[in-house]
């Protein structure tokens, strides 16, 4: 049950963030649910491999390169999920930052 609630909260966060940013569009809440699943799978399977491969540049940039990786993974999710579009890399980067901020606030309240 806790996993379903987490999935729903993630989808709601994605939906609200897409509503705030004009360069990110989402067709509806069903698309937000799909984006939450796809981002979860991407973060589980692909992100650790990319982080390991880019570890030297991540260390040199003091972890800031992680934002670039997150933006690229969001662009990947927008290519996979119909009804979710991100205009440019910069909108994906901003979407990633806003999503991280909202998730950190939600995580601290629990």
PDB file of N, CA and C in Angstrom:
ATOM      1  N   UNK A   1       0.823  -1.189   0.000  1.00  0.00           N
ATOM      2  CA  UNK A   1       0.000   0.000   0.000  1.00  0.00           C
ATOM      3  C   UNK A   1       0.875   1.264   0.000  1.00  0.00           C
ATOM      4  N   UNK A   2       1.979   1.203   0.745  1.00  0.00           N
ATOM      5  CA  UNK A   2       2.872   2.357   0.825  1.00  0.00           C
ATOM      6  C   UNK A   2       3.486   2.671  -0.540  1.00  0.00           C
ATOM      7  N   UNK A   3       3.756   1.639  -1.335  1.00  0.00           N
ATOM      8  CA  UNK A   3       4.323   1.844  -2.656  1.00  0.00           C
ATOM      9  C   UNK A   3       3.319   2.542  -3.580  1.00  0.00           C
ATOM     10  N   UNK A   4       2.049   2.193  -3.478  1.00  0.00           N
ATOM     11  CA  UNK A   4       1.017   2.846  -4.278  1.00  0.00           C
ATOM     12  C   UNK A   4       0.877   4.316  -3.907  1.00  0.00           C
ATOM     13  N   UNK A   5       0.959   4.611  -2.626  1.00  0.00           N
ATOM     14  CA  UNK A   5       0.876   5.999  -2.172  1.00  0.00           C
ATOM     15  C   UNK A   5       2.082   6.786  -2.678  1.00  0.00           C
ATOM     16  N   UNK A   6       3.253   6.195  -2.610  1.00  0.00           N
ATOM     17  CA  UNK A   6       4.460   6.843  -3.110  1.00  0.00           C
ATOM     18  C   UNK A   6       4.362   7.100  -4.613  1.00  0.00           C
ATOM     19  N   UNK A   7       3.839   6.148  -5.357  1.00  0.00           N
ATOM     20  CA  UNK A   7       3.649   6.285  -6.798  1.00  0.00           C
ATOM     21  C   UNK A   7       2.674   7.422  -7.094  1.00  0.00           C
ATOM     22  N   UNK A   8       1.577   7.478  -6.364  1.00  0.00           N
ATOM     23  CA  UNK A   8       0.577   8.525  -6.552  1.00  0.00           C
ATOM     24  C   UNK A   8       1.156   9.900  -6.227  1.00  0.00           C
ATOM     25  N   UNK A   9       1.917  10.001  -5.137  1.00  0.00           N
ATOM     26  CA  UNK A   9       2.526  11.283  -4.750  1.00  0.00           C
ATOM     27  C   UNK A   9       3.555  11.717  -5.788  1.00  0.00           C
ATOM     28  N   UNK A  10       4.327  10.776  -6.309  1.00  0.00           N
ATOM     29  CA  UNK A  10       5.293  11.105  -7.360  1.00  0.00           C
ATOM     30  C   UNK A  10       4.581  11.611  -8.611  1.00  0.00           C
ATOM     31  N   UNK A  11       3.510  10.954  -8.990  1.00  0.00           N
ATOM     32  CA  UNK A  11       2.740  11.386 -10.158  1.00  0.00           C
ATOM     33  C   UNK A  11       2.138  12.766  -9.936  1.00  0.00           C
ATOM     34  N   UNK A  12       1.648  13.016  -8.746  1.00  0.00           N
ATOM     35  CA  UNK A  12       1.085  14.333  -8.423  1.00  0.00           C
ATOM     36  C   UNK A  12       2.167  15.407  -8.482  1.00  0.00           C
ATOM     37  N   UNK A  13       3.349  15.092  -7.984  1.00  0.00           N
ATOM     38  CA  UNK A  13       4.474  16.022  -8.037  1.00  0.00           C
ATOM     39  C   UNK A  13       4.868  16.313  -9.485  1.00  0.00           C
ATOM     40  N   UNK A  14       4.914  15.296 -10.310  1.00  0.00           N
ATOM     41  CA  UNK A  14       5.238  15.467 -11.730  1.00  0.00           C
ATOM     42  C   UNK A  14       4.172  16.308 -12.415  1.00  0.00           C
ATOM     43  N   UNK A  15       2.913  16.055 -12.109  1.00  0.00           N
ATOM     44  CA  UNK A  15       1.809  16.786 -12.713  1.00  0.00           C
ATOM     45  C   UNK A  15       1.865  18.270 -12.347  1.00  0.00           C
ATOM     46  N   UNK A  16       2.105  18.557 -11.077  1.00  0.00           N
ATOM     47  CA  UNK A  16       2.174  19.951 -10.610  1.00  0.00           C
ATOM     48  C   UNK A  16       3.391  20.655 -11.211  1.00  0.00           C
ATOM     49  N   UNK A  17       4.524  19.982 -11.240  1.00  0.00           N
ATOM     50  CA  UNK A  17       5.735  20.577 -11.801  1.00  0.00           C
ATOM     51  C   UNK A  17       5.557  20.873 -13.287  1.00  0.00           C
ATOM     52  N   UNK A  18       4.920  19.978 -14.019  1.00  0.00           N
ATOM     53  CA  UNK A  18       4.663  20.208 -15.442  1.00  0.00           C
ATOM     54  C   UNK A  18       3.683  21.362 -15.637  1.00  0.00           C
ATOM     55  N   UNK A  19       2.769  21.539 -14.704  1.00  0.00           N
ATOM     56  CA  UNK A  19       1.817  22.649 -14.784  1.00  0.00           C
ATOM     57  C   UNK A  19       2.518  23.988 -14.561  1.00  0.00           C
ATOM     58  N   UNK A  20       3.514  23.999 -13.685  1.00  0.00           N
ATOM     59  CA  UNK A  20       4.234  25.231 -13.352  1.00  0.00           C
ATOM     60  C   UNK A  20       5.150  25.673 -14.499  1.00  0.00           C
ATOM     61  N   UNK A  21       5.833  24.737 -15.122  1.00  0.00           N
ATOM     62  CA  UNK A  21       6.839  25.058 -16.140  1.00  0.00           C
ATOM     63  C   UNK A  21       6.223  25.062 -17.539  1.00  0.00           C
ATOM     64  N   UNK A  22       6.349  26.166 -18.275  1.00  0.00           N
ATOM     65  CA  UNK A  22       5.729  26.233 -19.602  1.00  0.00           C
ATOM     66  C   UNK A  22       6.414  25.366 -20.660  1.00  0.00           C
ATOM     67  N   UNK A  23       7.651  24.966 -20.462  1.00  0.00           N
ATOM     68  CA  UNK A  23       8.356  24.146 -21.440  1.00  0.00           C
ATOM     69  C   UNK A  23       8.122  22.660 -21.278  1.00  0.00           C
ATOM     70  N   UNK A  24       7.319  22.287 -20.273  1.00  0.00           N
ATOM     71  CA  UNK A  24       7.012  20.878 -20.008  1.00  0.00           C
ATOM     72  C   UNK A  24       5.498  20.717 -20.082  1.00  0.00           C
ATOM     73  N   UNK A  25       5.056  19.770 -20.905  1.00  0.00           N
ATOM     74  CA  UNK A  25       3.620  19.544 -21.057  1.00  0.00           C
ATOM     75  C   UNK A  25       3.273  18.096 -20.755  1.00  0.00           C
ATOM     76  N   UNK A  26       2.148  17.940 -20.100  1.00  0.00           N
ATOM     77  CA  UNK A  26       1.654  16.597 -19.792  1.00  0.00           C
ATOM     78  C   UNK A  26       0.159  16.598 -20.081  1.00  0.00           C
ATOM     79  N   UNK A  27      -0.318  15.541 -20.739  1.00  0.00           N
ATOM     80  CA  UNK A  27      -1.712  15.506 -21.187  1.00  0.00           C
ATOM     81  C   UNK A  27      -2.711  15.350 -20.056  1.00  0.00           C
ATOM     82  N   UNK A  28      -2.380  14.586 -19.054  1.00  0.00           N
ATOM     83  CA  UNK A  28      -3.307  14.372 -17.955  1.00  0.00           C
ATOM     84  C   UNK A  28      -2.646  13.596 -16.836  1.00  0.00           C
ATOM     85  N   UNK A  29      -3.452  13.295 -15.832  1.00  0.00           N
ATOM     86  CA  UNK A  29      -2.896  12.612 -14.669  1.00  0.00           C
ATOM     87  C   UNK A  29      -2.481  11.188 -15.000  1.00  0.00           C
ATOM     88  N   UNK A  30      -3.147  10.557 -15.956  1.00  0.00           N
ATOM     89  CA  UNK A  30      -2.745   9.208 -16.373  1.00  0.00           C
ATOM     90  C   UNK A  30      -1.334   9.223 -16.971  1.00  0.00           C
ATOM     91  N   UNK A  31      -1.042  10.250 -17.739  1.00  0.00           N
ATOM     92  CA  UNK A  31       0.311  10.396 -18.276  1.00  0.00           C
ATOM     93  C   UNK A  31       1.318  10.629 -17.152  1.00  0.00           C
ATOM     94  N   UNK A  32       0.917  11.376 -16.134  1.00  0.00           N
ATOM     95  CA  UNK A  32       1.793  11.616 -14.987  1.00  0.00           C
ATOM     96  C   UNK A  32       2.079  10.307 -14.253  1.00  0.00           C
ATOM     97  N   UNK A  33       1.080   9.454 -14.141  1.00  0.00           N
ATOM     98  CA  UNK A  33       1.293   8.139 -13.524  1.00  0.00           C
ATOM     99  C   UNK A  33       2.284   7.313 -14.344  1.00  0.00           C
ATOM    100  N   UNK A  34       2.140   7.371 -15.674  1.00  0.00           N
ATOM    101  CA  UNK A  34       3.065   6.636 -16.545  1.00  0.00           C
ATOM    102  C   UNK A  34       4.484   7.200 -16.438  1.00  0.00           C
ATOM    103  N   UNK A  35       4.607   8.527 -16.372  1.00  0.00           N
ATOM    104  CA  UNK A  35       5.925   9.149 -16.233  1.00  0.00           C
ATOM    105  C   UNK A  35       6.564   8.735 -14.912  1.00  0.00           C
ATOM    106  N   UNK A  36       5.765   8.673 -13.849  1.00  0.00           N
ATOM    107  CA  UNK A  36       6.297   8.260 -12.544  1.00  0.00           C
ATOM    108  C   UNK A  36       6.842   6.836 -12.609  1.00  0.00           C
ATOM    109  N   UNK A  37       6.137   5.951 -13.292  1.00  0.00           N
ATOM    110  CA  UNK A  37       6.609   4.570 -13.423  1.00  0.00           C
ATOM    111  C   UNK A  37       7.884   4.514 -14.261  1.00  0.00           C
ATOM    112  N   UNK A  38       7.872   5.197 -15.403  1.00  0.00           N
ATOM    113  CA  UNK A  38       9.033   5.164 -16.295  1.00  0.00           C
ATOM    114  C   UNK A  38      10.250   5.787 -15.617  1.00  0.00           C
ATOM    115  N   UNK A  39      10.081   6.935 -14.953  1.00  0.00           N
ATOM    116  CA  UNK A  39      11.205   7.544 -14.248  1.00  0.00           C
ATOM    117  C   UNK A  39      11.709   6.649 -13.119  1.00  0.00           C
ATOM    118  N   UNK A  40      10.799   5.960 -12.459  1.00  0.00           N
ATOM    119  CA  UNK A  40      11.208   5.025 -11.411  1.00  0.00           C
ATOM    120  C   UNK A  40      12.053   3.889 -11.959  1.00  0.00           C
ATOM    121  N   UNK A  41      11.631   3.340 -13.085  1.00  0.00           N
ATOM    122  CA  UNK A  41      12.388   2.243 -13.707  1.00  0.00           C
ATOM    123  C   UNK A  41      13.728   2.750 -14.231  1.00  0.00           C
ATOM    124  N   UNK A  42      13.726   3.920 -14.861  1.00  0.00           N
ATOM    125  CA  UNK A  42      14.974   4.499 -15.360  1.00  0.00           C
ATOM    126  C   UNK A  42      15.938   4.761 -14.204  1.00  0.00           C
ATOM    127  N   UNK A  43      15.424   5.336 -13.120  1.00  0.00           N
ATOM    128  CA  UNK A  43      16.284   5.625 -11.966  1.00  0.00           C
ATOM    129  C   UNK A  43      16.785   4.350 -11.291  1.00  0.00           C
ATOM    130  N   UNK A  44      16.031   3.278 -11.406  1.00  0.00           N
ATOM    131  CA  UNK A  44      16.435   2.016 -10.802  1.00  0.00           C
ATOM    132  C   UNK A  44      17.459   1.270 -11.648  1.00  0.00           C
ATOM    133  N   UNK A  45      17.272   1.273 -12.962  1.00  0.00           N
ATOM    134  CA  UNK A  45      18.103   0.438 -13.824  1.00  0.00           C
ATOM    135  C   UNK A  45      19.222   1.190 -14.536  1.00  0.00           C
ATOM    136  N   UNK A  46      18.940   2.367 -15.075  1.00  0.00           N
ATOM    137  CA  UNK A  46      19.905   3.056 -15.927  1.00  0.00           C
ATOM    138  C   UNK A  46      20.759   4.044 -15.156  1.00  0.00           C
ATOM    139  N   UNK A  47      20.159   4.784 -14.240  1.00  0.00           N
ATOM    140  CA  UNK A  47      20.882   5.846 -13.547  1.00  0.00           C
ATOM    141  C   UNK A  47      22.122   5.360 -12.784  1.00  0.00           C
ATOM    142  N   UNK A  48      22.059   4.242 -12.058  1.00  0.00           N
ATOM    143  CA  UNK A  48      23.285   3.808 -11.361  1.00  0.00           C
ATOM    144  C   UNK A  48      24.451   3.507 -12.305  1.00  0.00           C
ATOM    145  N   UNK A  49      24.148   2.956 -13.462  1.00  0.00           N
ATOM    146  CA  UNK A  49      25.202   2.646 -14.428  1.00  0.00           C
ATOM    147  C   UNK A  49      25.822   3.930 -14.962  1.00  0.00           C
ATOM    148  N   UNK A  50      24.967   4.902 -15.306  1.00  0.00           N
ATOM    149  CA  UNK A  50      25.468   6.181 -15.827  1.00  0.00           C
ATOM    150  C   UNK A  50      26.263   6.923 -14.753  1.00  0.00           C
ATOM    151  N   UNK A  51      25.777   6.895 -13.517  1.00  0.00           N
ATOM    152  CA  UNK A  51      26.517   7.559 -12.436  1.00  0.00           C
ATOM    153  C   UNK A  51      27.893   6.940 -12.233  1.00  0.00           C
ATOM    154  N   UNK A  52      27.969   5.631 -12.346  1.00  0.00           N
ATOM    155  CA  UNK A  52      29.256   4.958 -12.200  1.00  0.00           C
ATOM    156  C   UNK A  52      30.202   5.309 -13.341  1.00  0.00           C
ATOM    157  N   UNK A  53      29.665   5.348 -14.563  1.00  0.00           N
ATOM    158  CA  UNK A  53      30.505   5.664 -15.722  1.00  0.00           C
ATOM    159  C   UNK A  53      30.977   7.118 -15.727  1.00  0.00           C
ATOM    160  N   UNK A  54      30.179   8.007 -15.155  1.00  0.00           N
ATOM    161  CA  UNK A  54      30.533   9.434 -15.154  1.00  0.00           C
ATOM    162  C   UNK A  54      31.062   9.892 -13.799  1.00  0.00           C
ATOM    163  N   UNK A  55      31.501   8.967 -12.983  1.00  0.00           N
ATOM    164  CA  UNK A  55      31.979   9.314 -11.649  1.00  0.00           C
ATOM    165  C   UNK A  55      33.119  10.333 -11.649  1.00  0.00           C
ATOM    166  N   UNK A  56      34.112  10.210 -12.529  1.00  0.00           N
ATOM    167  CA  UNK A  56      35.192  11.216 -12.498  1.00  0.00           C
ATOM    168  C   UNK A  56      34.694  12.648 -12.758  1.00  0.00           C
ATOM    169  N   UNK A  57      33.839  12.819 -13.754  1.00  0.00           N
ATOM    170  CA  UNK A  57      33.344  14.174 -14.041  1.00  0.00           C
ATOM    171  C   UNK A  57      32.398  14.660 -12.942  1.00  0.00           C
ATOM    172  N   UNK A  58      31.685  13.741 -12.329  1.00  0.00           N
ATOM    173  CA  UNK A  58      30.812  14.115 -11.213  1.00  0.00           C
ATOM    174  C   UNK A  58      31.635  14.591 -10.023  1.00  0.00           C
ATOM    175  N   UNK A  59      32.749  13.945  -9.766  1.00  0.00           N
ATOM    176  CA  UNK A  59      33.626  14.366  -8.665  1.00  0.00           C
ATOM    177  C   UNK A  59      34.246  15.726  -8.973  1.00  0.00           C
ATOM    178  N   UNK A  60      34.697  15.915 -10.189  1.00  0.00           N
ATOM    179  CA  UNK A  60      35.333  17.179 -10.574  1.00  0.00           C
ATOM    180  C   UNK A  60      34.347  18.344 -10.471  1.00  0.00           C
ATOM    181  N   UNK A  61      33.098  18.107 -10.838  1.00  0.00           N
ATOM    182  CA  UNK A  61      32.088  19.173 -10.789  1.00  0.00           C
ATOM    183  C   UNK A  61      31.375  19.231  -9.439  1.00  0.00           C
ATOM    184  N   UNK A  62      31.907  18.503  -8.462  1.00  0.00           N
ATOM    185  CA  UNK A  62      31.340  18.475  -7.104  1.00  0.00           C
ATOM    186  C   UNK A  62      29.878  18.037  -7.080  1.00  0.00           C
ATOM    187  N   UNK A  63      29.538  17.110  -7.962  1.00  0.00           N
ATOM    188  CA  UNK A  63      28.194  16.538  -7.978  1.00  0.00           C
ATOM    189  C   UNK A  63      27.208  17.261  -8.863  1.00  0.00           C
ATOM    190  N   UNK A  64      27.586  18.407  -9.424  1.00  0.00           N
ATOM    191  CA  UNK A  64      26.651  19.167 -10.257  1.00  0.00           C
ATOM    192  C   UNK A  64      26.324  18.458 -11.573  1.00  0.00           C
ATOM    193  N   UNK A  65      27.204  17.584 -12.023  1.00  0.00           N
ATOM    194  CA  UNK A  65      26.933  16.840 -13.257  1.00  0.00           C
ATOM    195  C   UNK A  65      25.739  15.902 -13.087  1.00  0.00           C
ATOM    196  N   UNK A  66      25.389  15.591 -11.868  1.00  0.00           N
ATOM    197  CA  UNK A  66      24.218  14.752 -11.603  1.00  0.00           C
ATOM    198  C   UNK A  66      22.947  15.417 -12.117  1.00  0.00           C
ATOM    199  N   UNK A  67      22.891  16.750 -12.056  1.00  0.00           N
ATOM    200  CA  UNK A  67      21.739  17.456 -12.610  1.00  0.00           C
ATOM    201  C   UNK A  67      21.639  17.257 -14.120  1.00  0.00           C
ATOM    202  N   UNK A  68      22.770  17.236 -14.794  1.00  0.00           N
ATOM    203  CA  UNK A  68      22.787  17.000 -16.231  1.00  0.00           C
ATOM    204  C   UNK A  68      22.292  15.585 -16.529  1.00  0.00           C
ATOM    205  N   UNK A  69      22.741  14.631 -15.747  1.00  0.00           N
ATOM    206  CA  UNK A  69      22.290  13.245 -15.924  1.00  0.00           C
ATOM    207  C   UNK A  69      20.785  13.151 -15.715  1.00  0.00           C
ATOM    208  N   UNK A  70      20.281  13.791 -14.662  1.00  0.00           N
ATOM    209  CA  UNK A  70      18.834  13.773 -14.406  1.00  0.00           C
ATOM    210  C   UNK A  70      18.060  14.388 -15.566  1.00  0.00           C
ATOM    211  N   UNK A  71      18.564  15.483 -16.117  1.00  0.00           N
ATOM    212  CA  UNK A  71      17.888  16.124 -17.246  1.00  0.00           C
ATOM    213  C   UNK A  71      17.861  15.196 -18.462  1.00  0.00           C
ATOM    214  N   UNK A  72      18.954  14.516 -18.719  1.00  0.00           N
ATOM    215  CA  UNK A  72      18.993  13.581 -19.848  1.00  0.00           C
ATOM    216  C   UNK A  72      18.033  12.407 -19.636  1.00  0.00           C
ATOM    217  N   UNK A  73      17.915  11.946 -18.398  1.00  0.00           N
ATOM    218  CA  UNK A  73      16.988  10.854 -18.114  1.00  0.00           C
ATOM    219  C   UNK A  73      15.538  11.316 -18.237  1.00  0.00           C
ATOM    220  N   UNK A  74      15.268  12.568 -17.916  1.00  0.00           N
ATOM    221  CA  UNK A  74      13.920  13.112 -18.110  1.00  0.00           C
ATOM    222  C   UNK A  74      13.604  13.227 -19.593  1.00  0.00           C
ATOM    223  N   UNK A  75      14.590  13.632 -20.386  1.00  0.00           N
ATOM    224  CA  UNK A  75      14.391  13.661 -21.839  1.00  0.00           C
ATOM    225  C   UNK A  75      14.136  12.259 -22.388  1.00  0.00           C
ATOM    226  N   UNK A  76      14.813  11.262 -21.833  1.00  0.00           N
ATOM    227  CA  UNK A  76      14.559   9.877 -22.222  1.00  0.00           C
ATOM    228  C   UNK A  76      13.133   9.469 -21.882  1.00  0.00           C
ATOM    229  N   UNK A  77      12.682   9.840 -20.696  1.00  0.00           N
ATOM    230  CA  UNK A  77      11.306   9.524 -20.296  1.00  0.00           C
ATOM    231  C   UNK A  77      10.302  10.220 -21.200  1.00  0.00           C
ATOM    232  N   UNK A  78      10.601  11.447 -21.620  1.00  0.00           N
ATOM    233  CA  UNK A  78       9.670  12.145 -22.507  1.00  0.00           C
ATOM    234  C   UNK A  78       9.626  11.503 -23.890  1.00  0.00           C
ATOM    235  N   UNK A  79      10.707  10.853 -24.284  1.00  0.00           N
ATOM    236  CA  UNK A  79      10.710  10.128 -25.554  1.00  0.00           C
ATOM    237  C   UNK A  79       9.931   8.821 -25.455  1.00  0.00           C
ATOM    238  N   UNK A  80       9.847   8.263 -24.257  1.00  0.00           N
ATOM    239  CA  UNK A  80       9.179   6.974 -24.067  1.00  0.00           C
ATOM    240  C   UNK A  80       7.686   7.135 -23.822  1.00  0.00           C
ATOM    241  N   UNK A  81       7.309   8.096 -22.995  1.00  0.00           N
ATOM    242  CA  UNK A  81       5.909   8.224 -22.565  1.00  0.00           C
ATOM    243  C   UNK A  81       5.147   9.156 -23.504  1.00  0.00           C
ATOM    244  N   UNK A  82       4.098   8.647 -24.154  1.00  0.00           N
ATOM    245  CA  UNK A  82       3.274   9.537 -24.961  1.00  0.00           C
ATOM    246  C   UNK A  82       2.460  10.464 -24.049  1.00  0.00           C
ATOM    247  N   UNK A  83       2.315  11.701 -24.457  1.00  0.00           N
ATOM    248  CA  UNK A  83       1.574  12.655 -23.647  1.00  0.00           C
ATOM    249  C   UNK A  83       2.443  13.438 -22.681  1.00  0.00           C
ATOM    250  N   UNK A  84       3.747  13.189 -22.702  1.00  0.00           N
ATOM    251  CA  UNK A  84       4.692  13.919 -21.859  1.00  0.00           C
ATOM    252  C   UNK A  84       5.785  14.459 -22.757  1.00  0.00           C
ATOM    253  N   UNK A  85       5.860  15.776 -22.869  1.00  0.00           N
ATOM    254  CA  UNK A  85       6.868  16.376 -23.728  1.00  0.00           C
ATOM    255  C   UNK A  85       7.658  17.436 -22.969  1.00  0.00           C
ATOM    256  N   UNK A  86       8.934  17.449 -23.238  1.00  0.00           N
ATOM    257  CA  UNK A  86       9.841  18.452 -22.688  1.00  0.00           C
ATOM    258  C   UNK A  86      10.497  19.112 -23.896  1.00  0.00           C
ATOM    259  N   UNK A  87      10.398  20.447 -23.967  1.00  0.00           N
ATOM    260  CA  UNK A  87      10.852  21.166 -25.155  1.00  0.00           C
ATOM    261  C   UNK A  87      12.355  21.074 -25.382  1.00  0.00           C
ATOM    262  N   UNK A  88      13.146  21.415 -24.384  1.00  0.00           N
ATOM    263  CA  UNK A  88      14.597  21.469 -24.568  1.00  0.00           C
ATOM    264  C   UNK A  88      15.302  20.852 -23.365  1.00  0.00           C
ATOM    265  N   UNK A  89      16.609  20.733 -23.511  1.00  0.00           N
ATOM    266  CA  UNK A  89      17.430  20.237 -22.408  1.00  0.00           C
ATOM    267  C   UNK A  89      17.296  21.143 -21.187  1.00  0.00           C
ATOM    268  N   UNK A  90      17.237  22.465 -21.423  1.00  0.00           N
ATOM    269  CA  UNK A  90      17.185  23.416 -20.307  1.00  0.00           C
ATOM    270  C   UNK A  90      15.880  23.287 -19.525  1.00  0.00           C
ATOM    271  N   UNK A  91      14.779  23.022 -20.226  1.00  0.00           N
ATOM    272  CA  UNK A  91      13.519  22.782 -19.516  1.00  0.00           C
ATOM    273  C   UNK A  91      13.586  21.477 -18.733  1.00  0.00           C
ATOM    274  N   UNK A  92      14.254  20.473 -19.290  1.00  0.00           N
ATOM    275  CA  UNK A  92      14.425  19.208 -18.568  1.00  0.00           C
ATOM    276  C   UNK A  92      15.277  19.418 -17.324  1.00  0.00           C
ATOM    277  N   UNK A  93      16.315  20.255 -17.438  1.00  0.00           N
ATOM    278  CA  UNK A  93      17.160  20.558 -16.289  1.00  0.00           C
ATOM    279  C   UNK A  93      16.368  21.279 -15.209  1.00  0.00           C
ATOM    280  N   UNK A  94      15.588  22.275 -15.600  1.00  0.00           N
ATOM    281  CA  UNK A  94      14.768  23.001 -14.636  1.00  0.00           C
ATOM    282  C   UNK A  94      13.695  22.097 -14.030  1.00  0.00           C
ATOM    283  N   UNK A  95      13.089  21.240 -14.853  1.00  0.00           N
ATOM    284  CA  UNK A  95      12.101  20.279 -14.362  1.00  0.00           C
ATOM    285  C   UNK A  95      12.730  19.364 -13.318  1.00  0.00           C
ATOM    286  N   UNK A  96      13.951  18.917 -13.592  1.00  0.00           N
ATOM    287  CA  UNK A  96      14.663  18.050 -12.659  1.00  0.00           C
ATOM    288  C   UNK A  96      14.922  18.751 -11.330  1.00  0.00           C
ATOM    289  N   UNK A  97      15.346  20.010 -11.399  1.00  0.00           N
ATOM    290  CA  UNK A  97      15.643  20.758 -10.178  1.00  0.00           C
ATOM    291  C   UNK A  97      14.378  21.010  -9.362  1.00  0.00           C
ATOM    292  N   UNK A  98      13.318  21.457 -10.033  1.00  0.00           N
ATOM    293  CA  UNK A  98      12.056  21.723  -9.325  1.00  0.00           C
ATOM    294  C   UNK A  98      11.496  20.437  -8.733  1.00  0.00           C
ATOM    295  N   UNK A  99      11.549  19.357  -9.494  1.00  0.00           N
ATOM    296  CA  UNK A  99      11.063  18.066  -9.004  1.00  0.00           C
ATOM    297  C   UNK A  99      11.862  17.607  -7.788  1.00  0.00           C
ATOM    298  N   UNK A 100      13.167  17.798  -7.819  1.00  0.00           N
ATOM    299  CA  UNK A 100      14.002  17.430  -6.671  1.00  0.00           C
ATOM    300  C   UNK A 100      13.675  18.271  -5.444  1.00  0.00           C
ATOM    301  N   UNK A 101      13.463  19.565  -5.643  1.00  0.00           N
ATOM    302  CA  UNK A 101      13.107  20.434  -4.521  1.00  0.00           C
ATOM    303  C   UNK A 101      11.769  20.040  -3.897  1.00  0.00           C
ATOM    304  N   UNK A 102      10.775  19.800  -4.741  1.00  0.00           N
ATOM    305  CA  UNK A 102       9.458  19.416  -4.225  1.00  0.00           C
ATOM    306  C   UNK A 102       9.549  18.080  -3.499  1.00  0.00           C
ATOM    307  N   UNK A 103      10.276  17.131  -4.089  1.00  0.00           N
ATOM    308  CA  UNK A 103      10.418  15.816  -3.434  1.00  0.00           C
ATOM    309  C   UNK A 103      11.162  15.913  -2.110  1.00  0.00           C
ATOM    310  N   UNK A 104      12.137  16.820  -2.020  1.00  0.00           N
ATOM    311  CA  UNK A 104      12.856  16.956  -0.754  1.00  0.00           C
ATOM    312  C   UNK A 104      11.954  17.553   0.330  1.00  0.00           C
ATOM    313  N   UNK A 105      11.096  18.501  -0.044  1.00  0.00           N
ATOM    314  CA  UNK A 105      10.140  19.052   0.920  1.00  0.00           C
ATOM    315  C   UNK A 105       9.130  18.003   1.361  1.00  0.00           C
ATOM    316  N   UNK A 106       8.653  17.204   0.421  1.00  0.00           N
ATOM    317  CA  UNK A 106       7.690  16.146   0.754  1.00  0.00           C
ATOM    318  C   UNK A 106       8.358  15.092   1.633  1.00  0.00           C
ATOM    319  N   UNK A 107       9.606  14.754   1.315  1.00  0.00           N
ATOM    320  CA  UNK A 107      10.332  13.751   2.093  1.00  0.00           C
ATOM    321  C   UNK A 107      10.607  14.197   3.516  1.00  0.00           C
ATOM    322  N   UNK A 108      10.845  15.484   3.731  1.00  0.00           N
ATOM    323  CA  UNK A 108      11.123  15.984   5.064  1.00  0.00           C
ATOM    324  C   UNK A 108       9.870  16.048   5.934  1.00  0.00           C
ATOM    325  N   UNK A 109       8.697  16.134   5.304  1.00  0.00           N
ATOM    326  CA  UNK A 109       7.470  16.233   6.081  1.00  0.00           C
ATOM    327  C   UNK A 109       7.024  14.888   6.630  1.00  0.00           C
ATOM    328  N   UNK A 110       7.565  13.796   6.058  1.00  0.00           N
ATOM    329  CA  UNK A 110       7.162  12.455   6.526  1.00  0.00           C
ATOM    330  C   UNK A 110       7.972  12.004   7.684  1.00  0.00           C
TER     331      UNK A 110
END
